[in-house]
PDB file of N, CA and C in Angstrom:
ATOM      1  N   MET A   1     -48.052  -5.435  40.656  1.00  0.00           N
ATOM      2  CA  MET A   1     -47.307  -6.465  39.974  1.00  0.00           C
ATOM      3  C   MET A   1     -45.882  -6.470  40.507  1.00  0.00           C
ATOM      4  N   ALA A   2     -45.356  -7.647  40.592  1.00  0.00           N
ATOM      5  CA  ALA A   2     -43.999  -7.789  41.109  1.00  0.00           C
ATOM      6  C   ALA A   2     -43.054  -8.009  39.926  1.00  0.00           C
ATOM      7  N   TYR A   3     -41.958  -7.305  39.917  1.00  0.00           N
ATOM      8  CA  TYR A   3     -40.935  -7.450  38.884  1.00  0.00           C
ATOM      9  C   TYR A   3     -39.716  -8.093  39.509  1.00  0.00           C
ATOM     10  N   ARG A   4     -39.095  -8.995  38.765  1.00  0.00           N
ATOM     11  CA  ARG A   4     -37.824  -9.550  39.222  1.00  0.00           C
ATOM     12  C   ARG A   4     -36.714  -8.679  38.653  1.00  0.00           C
ATOM     13  N   HIS A   5     -35.849  -8.267  39.511  1.00  0.00           N
ATOM     14  CA  HIS A   5     -34.759  -7.386  39.080  1.00  0.00           C
ATOM     15  C   HIS A   5     -33.462  -8.189  39.096  1.00  0.00           C
ATOM     16  N   PHE A   6     -32.807  -8.313  37.915  1.00  0.00           N
ATOM     17  CA  PHE A   6     -31.524  -8.997  37.824  1.00  0.00           C
ATOM     18  C   PHE A   6     -30.424  -7.944  37.822  1.00  0.00           C
ATOM     19  N   PRO A   7     -29.280  -8.271  38.389  1.00  0.00           N
ATOM     20  CA  PRO A   7     -28.155  -7.327  38.312  1.00  0.00           C
ATOM     21  C   PRO A   7     -27.780  -7.095  36.849  1.00  0.00           C
ATOM     22  N   SER A   8     -27.313  -5.901  36.533  1.00  0.00           N
ATOM     23  CA  SER A   8     -27.023  -5.536  35.142  1.00  0.00           C
ATOM     24  C   SER A   8     -25.815  -6.271  34.587  1.00  0.00           C
ATOM     25  N   SER A   9     -25.002  -6.897  35.444  1.00  0.00           N
ATOM     26  CA  SER A   9     -23.817  -7.599  34.954  1.00  0.00           C
ATOM     27  C   SER A   9     -24.142  -9.011  34.496  1.00  0.00           C
ATOM     28  N   ILE A  10     -25.327  -9.532  34.794  1.00  0.00           N
ATOM     29  CA  ILE A  10     -25.652 -10.912  34.435  1.00  0.00           C
ATOM     30  C   ILE A  10     -25.950 -11.036  32.941  1.00  0.00           C
ATOM     31  N   LEU A  11     -26.641 -10.087  32.365  1.00  0.00           N
ATOM     32  CA  LEU A  11     -27.020 -10.182  30.953  1.00  0.00           C
ATOM     33  C   LEU A  11     -25.800 -10.269  30.027  1.00  0.00           C
ATOM     34  N   PRO A  12     -24.770  -9.399  30.166  1.00  0.00           N
ATOM     35  CA  PRO A  12     -23.597  -9.564  29.287  1.00  0.00           C
ATOM     36  C   PRO A  12     -22.916 -10.904  29.487  1.00  0.00           C
ATOM     37  N   LEU A  13     -22.862 -11.415  30.727  1.00  0.00           N
ATOM     38  CA  LEU A  13     -22.227 -12.708  30.964  1.00  0.00           C
ATOM     39  C   LEU A  13     -23.004 -13.829  30.287  1.00  0.00           C
ATOM     40  N   VAL A  14     -24.314 -13.749  30.300  1.00  0.00           N
ATOM     41  CA  VAL A  14     -25.125 -14.767  29.639  1.00  0.00           C
ATOM     42  C   VAL A  14     -24.895 -14.732  28.136  1.00  0.00           C
ATOM     43  N   VAL A  15     -24.859 -13.533  27.564  1.00  0.00           N
ATOM     44  CA  VAL A  15     -24.648 -13.404  26.117  1.00  0.00           C
ATOM     45  C   VAL A  15     -23.289 -13.951  25.732  1.00  0.00           C
ATOM     46  N   ILE A  16     -22.247 -13.627  26.496  1.00  0.00           N
ATOM     47  CA  ILE A  16     -20.890 -14.094  26.183  1.00  0.00           C
ATOM     48  C   ILE A  16     -20.809 -15.609  26.307  1.00  0.00           C
ATOM     49  N   SER A  17     -21.370 -16.166  27.364  1.00  0.00           N
ATOM     50  CA  SER A  17     -21.285 -17.614  27.550  1.00  0.00           C
ATOM     51  C   SER A  17     -22.046 -18.359  26.459  1.00  0.00           C
ATOM     52  N   MET A  18     -23.183 -17.832  26.031  1.00  0.00           N
ATOM     53  CA  MET A  18     -23.937 -18.488  24.964  1.00  0.00           C
ATOM     54  C   MET A  18     -23.191 -18.431  23.636  1.00  0.00           C
ATOM     55  N   SER A  19     -22.545 -17.298  23.366  1.00  0.00           N
ATOM     56  CA  SER A  19     -21.804 -17.187  22.109  1.00  0.00           C
ATOM     57  C   SER A  19     -20.588 -18.103  22.123  1.00  0.00           C
ATOM     58  N   LEU A  20     -19.933 -18.264  23.279  1.00  0.00           N
ATOM     59  CA  LEU A  20     -18.792 -19.167  23.349  1.00  0.00           C
ATOM     60  C   LEU A  20     -19.226 -20.608  23.159  1.00  0.00           C
ATOM     61  N   MET A  21     -20.358 -20.974  23.724  1.00  0.00           N
ATOM     62  CA  MET A  21     -20.843 -22.343  23.557  1.00  0.00           C
ATOM     63  C   MET A  21     -21.178 -22.614  22.094  1.00  0.00           C
ATOM     64  N   ASN A  22     -21.758 -21.638  21.426  1.00  0.00           N
ATOM     65  CA  ASN A  22     -22.115 -21.791  20.025  1.00  0.00           C
ATOM     66  C   ASN A  22     -20.863 -21.918  19.163  1.00  0.00           C
ATOM     67  N   SER A  23     -19.827 -21.112  19.427  1.00  0.00           N
ATOM     68  CA  SER A  23     -18.620 -21.161  18.620  1.00  0.00           C
ATOM     69  C   SER A  23     -17.879 -22.469  18.830  1.00  0.00           C
ATOM     70  N   GLN A  24     -17.910 -23.037  20.061  1.00  0.00           N
ATOM     71  CA  GLN A  24     -17.257 -24.320  20.295  1.00  0.00           C
ATOM     72  C   GLN A  24     -17.976 -25.424  19.524  1.00  0.00           C
ATOM     73  N   THR A  25     -19.285 -25.340  19.450  1.00  0.00           N
ATOM     74  CA  THR A  25     -20.037 -26.335  18.699  1.00  0.00           C
ATOM     75  C   THR A  25     -19.672 -26.271  17.225  1.00  0.00           C
ATOM     76  N   ILE A  26     -19.535 -25.077  16.691  1.00  0.00           N
ATOM     77  CA  ILE A  26     -19.167 -24.908  15.284  1.00  0.00           C
ATOM     78  C   ILE A  26     -17.766 -25.446  15.042  1.00  0.00           C
ATOM     79  N   LEU A  27     -16.829 -25.212  15.980  1.00  0.00           N
ATOM     80  CA  LEU A  27     -15.467 -25.709  15.812  1.00  0.00           C
ATOM     81  C   LEU A  27     -15.437 -27.231  15.814  1.00  0.00           C
ATOM     82  N   VAL A  28     -16.214 -27.860  16.693  1.00  0.00           N
ATOM     83  CA  VAL A  28     -16.244 -29.320  16.741  1.00  0.00           C
ATOM     84  C   VAL A  28     -16.803 -29.877  15.443  1.00  0.00           C
ATOM     85  N   GLU A  29     -17.870 -29.272  14.931  1.00  0.00           N
ATOM     86  CA  GLU A  29     -18.446 -29.744  13.679  1.00  0.00           C
ATOM     87  C   GLU A  29     -17.479 -29.547  12.519  1.00  0.00           C
ATOM     88  N   ALA A  30     -16.760 -28.430  12.512  1.00  0.00           N
ATOM     89  CA  ALA A  30     -15.794 -28.178  11.443  1.00  0.00           C
ATOM     90  C   ALA A  30     -14.657 -29.183  11.511  1.00  0.00           C
ATOM     91  N   ARG A  31     -14.190 -29.530  12.707  1.00  0.00           N
ATOM     92  CA  ARG A  31     -13.105 -30.496  12.853  1.00  0.00           C
ATOM     93  C   ARG A  31     -13.559 -31.859  12.360  1.00  0.00           C
ATOM     94  N   GLN A  32     -14.806 -32.226  12.653  1.00  0.00           N
ATOM     95  CA  GLN A  32     -15.314 -33.509  12.183  1.00  0.00           C
ATOM     96  C   GLN A  32     -15.377 -33.543  10.658  1.00  0.00           C
ATOM     97  N   LEU A  33     -15.699 -32.403  10.046  1.00  0.00           N
ATOM     98  CA  LEU A  33     -15.727 -32.353   8.585  1.00  0.00           C
ATOM     99  C   LEU A  33     -14.331 -32.493   8.000  1.00  0.00           C
ATOM    100  N   LEU A  34     -13.329 -31.924   8.661  1.00  0.00           N
ATOM    101  CA  LEU A  34     -11.967 -32.026   8.152  1.00  0.00           C
ATOM    102  C   LEU A  34     -11.445 -33.447   8.255  1.00  0.00           C
ATOM    103  N   GLU A  35     -11.835 -34.173   9.301  1.00  0.00           N
ATOM    104  CA  GLU A  35     -11.326 -35.517   9.514  1.00  0.00           C
ATOM    105  C   GLU A  35     -12.065 -36.555   8.683  1.00  0.00           C
ATOM    106  N   ALA A  36     -13.219 -36.239   8.179  1.00  0.00           N
ATOM    107  CA  ALA A  36     -14.001 -37.214   7.411  1.00  0.00           C
ATOM    108  C   ALA A  36     -13.350 -37.412   6.048  1.00  0.00           C
ATOM    109  N   PRO A  37     -13.178 -38.690   5.631  1.00  0.00           N
ATOM    110  CA  PRO A  37     -12.588 -38.922   4.295  1.00  0.00           C
ATOM    111  C   PRO A  37     -13.611 -38.612   3.208  1.00  0.00           C
ATOM    112  N   LEU A  38     -13.130 -38.056   2.162  1.00  0.00           N
ATOM    113  CA  LEU A  38     -14.007 -37.717   1.041  1.00  0.00           C
ATOM    114  C   LEU A  38     -14.019 -38.868   0.047  1.00  0.00           C
ATOM    115  N   PRO A  39     -15.161 -39.222  -0.476  1.00  0.00           N
ATOM    116  CA  PRO A  39     -15.185 -40.302  -1.475  1.00  0.00           C
ATOM    117  C   PRO A  39     -14.578 -39.803  -2.775  1.00  0.00           C
ATOM    118  N   GLU A  40     -13.858 -40.708  -3.437  1.00  0.00           N
ATOM    119  CA  GLU A  40     -13.241 -40.328  -4.710  1.00  0.00           C
ATOM    120  C   GLU A  40     -14.266 -40.479  -5.819  1.00  0.00           C
ATOM    121  N   LEU A  41     -14.376 -39.465  -6.585  1.00  0.00           N
ATOM    122  CA  LEU A  41     -15.325 -39.475  -7.693  1.00  0.00           C
ATOM    123  C   LEU A  41     -14.631 -39.983  -8.946  1.00  0.00           C
ATOM    124  N   PRO A  42     -15.316 -40.775  -9.751  1.00  0.00           N
ATOM    125  CA  PRO A  42     -14.684 -41.231 -10.989  1.00  0.00           C
ATOM    126  C   PRO A  42     -14.548 -40.064 -11.963  1.00  0.00           C
ATOM    127  N   LYS A  43     -13.405 -40.055 -12.620  1.00  0.00           N
ATOM    128  CA  LYS A  43     -13.169 -38.979 -13.591  1.00  0.00           C
ATOM    129  C   LYS A  43     -13.775 -39.384 -14.926  1.00  0.00           C
ATOM    130  N   PRO A  44     -14.677 -38.580 -15.427  1.00  0.00           N
ATOM    131  CA  PRO A  44     -15.281 -38.938 -16.724  1.00  0.00           C
ATOM    132  C   PRO A  44     -14.282 -38.667 -17.847  1.00  0.00           C
ATOM    133  N   GLU A  45     -14.315 -39.542 -18.824  1.00  0.00           N
ATOM    134  CA  GLU A  45     -13.434 -39.366 -19.978  1.00  0.00           C
ATOM    135  C   GLU A  45     -14.120 -38.438 -20.973  1.00  0.00           C
ATOM    136  N   LEU A  46     -13.435 -37.379 -21.272  1.00  0.00           N
ATOM    137  CA  LEU A  46     -13.981 -36.405 -22.213  1.00  0.00           C
ATOM    138  C   LEU A  46     -13.451 -36.702 -23.607  1.00  0.00           C
ATOM    139  N   PRO A  47     -14.282 -36.636 -24.601  1.00  0.00           N
ATOM    140  CA  PRO A  47     -13.767 -36.845 -25.962  1.00  0.00           C
ATOM    141  C   PRO A  47     -12.934 -35.629 -26.375  1.00  0.00           C
ATOM    142  N   GLU A  48     -11.920 -35.910 -27.179  1.00  0.00           N
ATOM    143  CA  GLU A  48     -11.067 -34.809 -27.635  1.00  0.00           C
ATOM    144  C   GLU A  48     -11.822 -33.986 -28.670  1.00  0.00           C
ATOM    145  N   LEU A  49     -11.821 -32.712 -28.438  1.00  0.00           N
ATOM    146  CA  LEU A  49     -12.501 -31.800 -29.361  1.00  0.00           C
ATOM    147  C   LEU A  49     -11.494 -31.295 -30.384  1.00  0.00           C
ATOM    148  N   PRO A  50     -11.896 -31.144 -31.623  1.00  0.00           N
ATOM    149  CA  PRO A  50     -10.950 -30.611 -32.619  1.00  0.00           C
ATOM    150  C   PRO A  50     -10.662 -29.136 -32.335  1.00  0.00           C
ATOM    151  N   LYS A  51      -9.429 -28.775 -32.602  1.00  0.00           N
ATOM    152  CA  LYS A  51      -9.049 -27.378 -32.403  1.00  0.00           C
ATOM    153  C   LYS A  51      -9.695 -26.528 -33.494  1.00  0.00           C
ATOM    154  N   PRO A  52     -10.266 -25.411 -33.100  1.00  0.00           N
ATOM    155  CA  PRO A  52     -10.901 -24.577 -34.130  1.00  0.00           C
ATOM    156  C   PRO A  52      -9.844 -23.911 -35.012  1.00  0.00           C
ATOM    157  N   GLU A  53     -10.144 -23.861 -36.280  1.00  0.00           N
ATOM    158  CA  GLU A  53      -9.226 -23.216 -37.221  1.00  0.00           C
ATOM    159  C   GLU A  53      -9.752 -21.822 -37.533  1.00  0.00           C
ATOM    160  N   LEU A  54      -8.906 -20.869 -37.354  1.00  0.00           N
ATOM    161  CA  LEU A  54      -9.287 -19.484 -37.617  1.00  0.00           C
ATOM    162  C   LEU A  54      -8.853 -19.120 -39.031  1.00  0.00           C
ATOM    163  N   PRO A  55      -9.691 -18.428 -39.758  1.00  0.00           N
ATOM    164  CA  PRO A  55      -9.283 -18.029 -41.110  1.00  0.00           C
ATOM    165  C   PRO A  55      -8.227 -16.929 -41.036  1.00  0.00           C
ATOM    166  N   GLU A  56      -7.364 -16.930 -42.020  1.00  0.00           N
ATOM    167  CA  GLU A  56      -6.330 -15.895 -42.060  1.00  0.00           C
ATOM    168  C   GLU A  56      -6.966 -14.573 -42.487  1.00  0.00           C
ATOM    169  N   LEU A  57      -6.618 -13.550 -41.764  1.00  0.00           N
ATOM    170  CA  LEU A  57      -7.148 -12.228 -42.081  1.00  0.00           C
ATOM    171  C   LEU A  57      -6.182 -11.508 -43.013  1.00  0.00           C
ATOM    172  N   PRO A  58      -6.694 -10.776 -43.968  1.00  0.00           N
ATOM    173  CA  PRO A  58      -5.785 -10.038 -44.866  1.00  0.00           C
ATOM    174  C   PRO A  58      -5.147  -8.881 -44.111  1.00  0.00           C
ATOM    175  N   LYS A  59      -3.894  -8.612 -44.453  1.00  0.00           N
ATOM    176  CA  LYS A  59      -3.194  -7.507 -43.800  1.00  0.00           C
ATOM    177  C   LYS A  59      -3.720  -6.194 -44.381  1.00  0.00           C
ATOM    178  N   PRO A  60      -4.027  -5.246 -43.504  1.00  0.00           N
ATOM    179  CA  PRO A  60      -4.544  -3.973 -44.024  1.00  0.00           C
ATOM    180  C   PRO A  60      -3.418  -3.156 -44.667  1.00  0.00           C
ATOM    181  N   GLU A  61      -3.783  -2.421 -45.665  1.00  0.00           N
ATOM    182  CA  GLU A  61      -2.810  -1.553 -46.337  1.00  0.00           C
ATOM    183  C   GLU A  61      -2.995  -0.140 -45.813  1.00  0.00           C
ATOM    184  N   PHE A  62      -1.899   0.415 -45.337  1.00  0.00           N
ATOM    185  CA  PHE A  62      -1.931   1.768 -44.797  1.00  0.00           C
ATOM    186  C   PHE A  62      -1.379   2.732 -45.835  1.00  0.00           C
ATOM    187  N   PRO A  63      -1.969   3.926 -45.914  1.00  0.00           N
ATOM    188  CA  PRO A  63      -1.405   4.901 -46.859  1.00  0.00           C
ATOM    189  C   PRO A  63      -0.078   5.437 -46.313  1.00  0.00           C
ATOM    190  N   GLU A  64       0.760   5.850 -47.228  1.00  0.00           N
ATOM    191  CA  GLU A  64       2.049   6.407 -46.812  1.00  0.00           C
ATOM    192  C   GLU A  64       1.835   7.780 -46.180  1.00  0.00           C
ATOM    193  N   LEU A  65       2.592   8.030 -45.154  1.00  0.00           N
ATOM    194  CA  LEU A  65       2.487   9.310 -44.463  1.00  0.00           C
ATOM    195  C   LEU A  65       3.303  10.363 -45.189  1.00  0.00           C
ATOM    196  N   PRO A  66       2.815  11.598 -45.211  1.00  0.00           N
ATOM    197  CA  PRO A  66       3.604  12.657 -45.854  1.00  0.00           C
ATOM    198  C   PRO A  66       4.831  12.965 -44.989  1.00  0.00           C
ATOM    199  N   PRO A  67       5.859  13.524 -45.577  1.00  0.00           N
ATOM    200  CA  PRO A  67       7.059  13.845 -44.785  1.00  0.00           C
ATOM    201  C   PRO A  67       6.740  14.899 -43.724  1.00  0.00           C
ATOM    202  N   LYS A  68       7.491  14.841 -42.659  1.00  0.00           N
ATOM    203  CA  LYS A  68       7.257  15.784 -41.558  1.00  0.00           C
ATOM    204  C   LYS A  68       7.649  17.200 -41.992  1.00  0.00           C
ATOM    205  N   PRO A  69       6.804  18.139 -41.672  1.00  0.00           N
ATOM    206  CA  PRO A  69       7.178  19.514 -42.022  1.00  0.00           C
ATOM    207  C   PRO A  69       8.261  20.014 -41.067  1.00  0.00           C
ATOM    208  N   GLU A  70       9.107  20.830 -41.591  1.00  0.00           N
ATOM    209  CA  GLU A  70      10.164  21.397 -40.754  1.00  0.00           C
ATOM    210  C   GLU A  70       9.611  22.577 -39.971  1.00  0.00           C
ATOM    211  N   LEU A  71       9.973  22.604 -38.718  1.00  0.00           N
ATOM    212  CA  LEU A  71       9.518  23.697 -37.867  1.00  0.00           C
ATOM    213  C   LEU A  71      10.442  24.900 -38.052  1.00  0.00           C
ATOM    214  N   PRO A  72       9.868  26.074 -37.980  1.00  0.00           N
ATOM    215  CA  PRO A  72      10.729  27.257 -38.118  1.00  0.00           C
ATOM    216  C   PRO A  72      11.619  27.405 -36.881  1.00  0.00           C
ATOM    217  N   LYS A  73      12.824  27.897 -37.097  1.00  0.00           N
ATOM    218  CA  LYS A  73      13.752  28.120 -35.990  1.00  0.00           C
ATOM    219  C   LYS A  73      13.570  29.543 -35.483  1.00  0.00           C
ATOM    220  N   PHE A  74      13.376  29.619 -34.170  1.00  0.00           N
ATOM    221  CA  PHE A  74      13.186  30.918 -33.551  1.00  0.00           C
ATOM    222  C   PHE A  74      14.491  31.400 -32.958  1.00  0.00           C
ATOM    223  N   GLU A  75      14.680  32.701 -33.034  1.00  0.00           N
ATOM    224  CA  GLU A  75      15.884  33.282 -32.443  1.00  0.00           C
ATOM    225  C   GLU A  75      15.621  33.563 -30.974  1.00  0.00           C
ATOM    226  N   VAL A  76      16.584  33.224 -30.135  1.00  0.00           N
ATOM    227  CA  VAL A  76      16.439  33.451 -28.708  1.00  0.00           C
ATOM    228  C   VAL A  76      16.834  34.898 -28.436  1.00  0.00           C
ATOM    229  N   PRO A  77      15.942  35.668 -27.831  1.00  0.00           N
ATOM    230  CA  PRO A  77      16.308  37.062 -27.561  1.00  0.00           C
ATOM    231  C   PRO A  77      17.349  37.117 -26.438  1.00  0.00           C
ATOM    232  N   GLN A  78      18.201  38.083 -26.524  1.00  0.00           N
ATOM    233  CA  GLN A  78      19.215  38.255 -25.486  1.00  0.00           C
ATOM    234  C   GLN A  78      18.586  38.937 -24.280  1.00  0.00           C
ATOM    235  N   LEU A  79      18.947  38.428 -23.108  1.00  0.00           N
ATOM    236  CA  LEU A  79      18.437  39.009 -21.878  1.00  0.00           C
ATOM    237  C   LEU A  79      19.205  40.281 -21.557  1.00  0.00           C
ATOM    238  N   PRO A  80      18.541  41.230 -20.938  1.00  0.00           N
ATOM    239  CA  PRO A  80      19.267  42.456 -20.581  1.00  0.00           C
ATOM    240  C   PRO A  80      20.295  42.172 -19.493  1.00  0.00           C
ATOM    241  N   GLN A  81      21.356  42.908 -19.504  1.00  0.00           N
ATOM    242  CA  GLN A  81      22.424  42.749 -18.513  1.00  0.00           C
ATOM    243  C   GLN A  81      21.973  43.349 -17.191  1.00  0.00           C
ATOM    244  N   LEU A  82      22.294  42.634 -16.120  1.00  0.00           N
ATOM    245  CA  LEU A  82      21.974  43.161 -14.797  1.00  0.00           C
ATOM    246  C   LEU A  82      22.968  44.258 -14.432  1.00  0.00           C
ATOM    247  N   PRO A  83      22.501  45.242 -13.690  1.00  0.00           N
ATOM    248  CA  PRO A  83      23.440  46.293 -13.291  1.00  0.00           C
ATOM    249  C   PRO A  83      24.466  45.734 -12.300  1.00  0.00           C
ATOM    250  N   THR A  84      25.637  46.267 -12.353  1.00  0.00           N
ATOM    251  CA  THR A  84      26.686  45.797 -11.445  1.00  0.00           C
ATOM    252  C   THR A  84      26.523  46.486 -10.099  1.00  0.00           C
ATOM    253  N   PHE A  85      26.772  45.718  -9.040  1.00  0.00           N
ATOM    254  CA  PHE A  85      26.681  46.258  -7.694  1.00  0.00           C
ATOM    255  C   PHE A  85      28.062  46.679  -7.231  1.00  0.00           C
ATOM    256  N   PRO A  86      28.106  47.625  -6.304  1.00  0.00           N
ATOM    257  CA  PRO A  86      29.430  48.002  -5.800  1.00  0.00           C
ATOM    258  C   PRO A  86      30.035  46.816  -5.036  1.00  0.00           C
ATOM    259  N   HIS A  87      31.331  46.795  -5.009  1.00  0.00           N
ATOM    260  CA  HIS A  87      32.022  45.681  -4.365  1.00  0.00           C
ATOM    261  C   HIS A  87      31.752  45.722  -2.863  1.00  0.00           C
ATOM    262  N   LEU A  88      31.259  44.565  -2.340  1.00  0.00           N
ATOM    263  CA  LEU A  88      30.996  44.462  -0.906  1.00  0.00           C
ATOM    264  C   LEU A  88      32.175  43.764  -0.239  1.00  0.00           C
ATOM    265  N   PRO A  89      32.549  44.218   0.947  1.00  0.00           N
ATOM    266  CA  PRO A  89      33.663  43.547   1.615  1.00  0.00           C
ATOM    267  C   PRO A  89      33.238  42.140   2.060  1.00  0.00           C
ATOM    268  N   GLU A  90      34.206  41.246   2.098  1.00  0.00           N
ATOM    269  CA  GLU A  90      33.902  39.878   2.517  1.00  0.00           C
ATOM    270  C   GLU A  90      33.741  39.838   4.024  1.00  0.00           C
ATOM    271  N   LEU A  91      32.673  39.183   4.460  1.00  0.00           N
ATOM    272  CA  LEU A  91      32.416  39.060   5.889  1.00  0.00           C
ATOM    273  C   LEU A  91      33.051  37.768   6.389  1.00  0.00           C
ATOM    274  N   PRO A  92      33.544  37.770   7.625  1.00  0.00           N
ATOM    275  CA  PRO A  92      34.149  36.540   8.136  1.00  0.00           C
ATOM    276  C   PRO A  92      33.067  35.472   8.335  1.00  0.00           C
ATOM    277  N   LYS A  93      33.430  34.213   8.108  1.00  0.00           N
ATOM    278  CA  LYS A  93      32.478  33.125   8.262  1.00  0.00           C
ATOM    279  C   LYS A  93      32.297  32.845   9.748  1.00  0.00           C
ATOM    280  N   PRO A  94      31.063  32.691  10.203  1.00  0.00           N
ATOM    281  CA  PRO A  94      30.851  32.416  11.624  1.00  0.00           C
ATOM    282  C   PRO A  94      31.290  30.983  11.957  1.00  0.00           C
ATOM    283  N   THR A  95      31.813  30.819  13.147  1.00  0.00           N
ATOM    284  CA  THR A  95      32.225  29.487  13.612  1.00  0.00           C
ATOM    285  C   THR A  95      31.482  29.173  14.888  1.00  0.00           C
ATOM    286  N   LEU A  96      31.232  27.906  15.101  1.00  0.00           N
ATOM    287  CA  LEU A  96      30.555  27.467  16.305  1.00  0.00           C
ATOM    288  C   LEU A  96      31.570  27.345  17.434  1.00  0.00           C
ATOM    289  N   PRO A  97      31.144  27.641  18.656  1.00  0.00           N
ATOM    290  CA  PRO A  97      32.091  27.491  19.769  1.00  0.00           C
ATOM    291  C   PRO A  97      32.385  26.006  19.992  1.00  0.00           C
ATOM    292  N   THR A  98      33.588  25.732  20.450  1.00  0.00           N
ATOM    293  CA  THR A  98      33.976  24.345  20.693  1.00  0.00           C
ATOM    294  C   THR A  98      33.475  23.909  22.066  1.00  0.00           C
ATOM    295  N   ILE A  99      33.038  22.677  22.165  1.00  0.00           N
ATOM    296  CA  ILE A  99      32.527  22.132  23.414  1.00  0.00           C
ATOM    297  C   ILE A  99      33.632  21.266  24.025  1.00  0.00           C
ATOM    298  N   PRO A 100      33.943  21.480  25.290  1.00  0.00           N
ATOM    299  CA  PRO A 100      34.977  20.651  25.910  1.00  0.00           C
ATOM    300  C   PRO A 100      34.538  19.195  25.964  1.00  0.00           C
ATOM    301  N   LYS A 101      35.491  18.278  25.811  1.00  0.00           N
ATOM    302  CA  LYS A 101      35.180  16.856  25.799  1.00  0.00           C
ATOM    303  C   LYS A 101      34.857  16.331  27.192  1.00  0.00           C
ATOM    304  N   GLU A 102      35.195  17.049  28.244  1.00  0.00           N
ATOM    305  CA  GLU A 102      34.978  16.568  29.606  1.00  0.00           C
ATOM    306  C   GLU A 102      33.493  16.583  29.993  1.00  0.00           C
ATOM    307  N   ILE A 103      32.692  17.406  29.329  1.00  0.00           N
ATOM    308  CA  ILE A 103      31.273  17.496  29.667  1.00  0.00           C
ATOM    309  C   ILE A 103      30.544  16.343  28.999  1.00  0.00           C
ATOM    310  N   ASN A 104      29.830  15.542  29.796  1.00  0.00           N
ATOM    311  CA  ASN A 104      29.041  14.432  29.277  1.00  0.00           C
ATOM    312  C   ASN A 104      27.578  14.751  29.551  1.00  0.00           C
ATOM    313  N   PRO A 105      26.716  14.828  28.515  1.00  0.00           N
ATOM    314  CA  PRO A 105      25.324  15.232  28.740  1.00  0.00           C
ATOM    315  C   PRO A 105      24.539  14.214  29.571  1.00  0.00           C
ATOM    316  N   SER A 106      24.985  12.946  29.621  1.00  0.00           N
ATOM    317  CA  SER A 106      24.212  11.971  30.391  1.00  0.00           C
ATOM    318  C   SER A 106      24.454  12.116  31.891  1.00  0.00           C
ATOM    319  N   HIS A 107      25.514  12.831  32.293  1.00  0.00           N
ATOM    320  CA  HIS A 107      25.807  13.046  33.725  1.00  0.00           C
ATOM    321  C   HIS A 107      25.561  14.501  34.100  1.00  0.00           C
ATOM    322  N   SER A 108      24.408  14.994  33.719  1.00  0.00           N
ATOM    323  CA  SER A 108      24.114  16.381  34.012  1.00  0.00           C
ATOM    324  C   SER A 108      23.772  16.529  35.500  1.00  0.00           C
ATOM    325  N   THR A 109      24.039  17.729  36.027  1.00  0.00           N
ATOM    326  CA  THR A 109      23.792  17.982  37.448  1.00  0.00           C
ATOM    327  C   THR A 109      22.364  18.421  37.689  1.00  0.00           C
ATOM    328  N   ALA A 110      21.668  18.885  36.664  1.00  0.00           N
ATOM    329  CA  ALA A 110      20.277  19.354  36.852  1.00  0.00           C
ATOM    330  C   ALA A 110      19.359  18.126  36.893  1.00  0.00           C
ATOM    331  N   SER A 111      18.492  18.060  37.863  1.00  0.00           N
ATOM    332  CA  SER A 111      17.553  16.951  37.957  1.00  0.00           C
ATOM    333  C   SER A 111      16.215  17.365  37.358  1.00  0.00           C
ATOM    334  N   PRO A 112      15.519  16.444  36.716  1.00  0.00           N
ATOM    335  CA  PRO A 112      14.274  16.814  36.034  1.00  0.00           C
ATOM    336  C   PRO A 112      13.139  17.148  36.965  1.00  0.00           C
TER     337      PRO A 112
END
């Protein structure tokens, strides 16, 4: 039996071209629908319906709440005193070295 062998790139091209043709057809049909005038429908006259009357509900009676009980006051315990440490000498604060203004980082001599 003889088989016809098509290049593998033809099948995706056929699928893409068919889908594009189909989408263009849908766009043309949609545009025709947008341009078509719609017939105006007559508005039916609805009879006015009476508003429903709701009966008044009696207000519920709530029992009076008892007075709030007073909470007992608790005494805050005193925290123990921390032991005192021997006096430490003050250390000098470190300072950053000053950078001369003549150095510009964008004109560095090292090449990447």
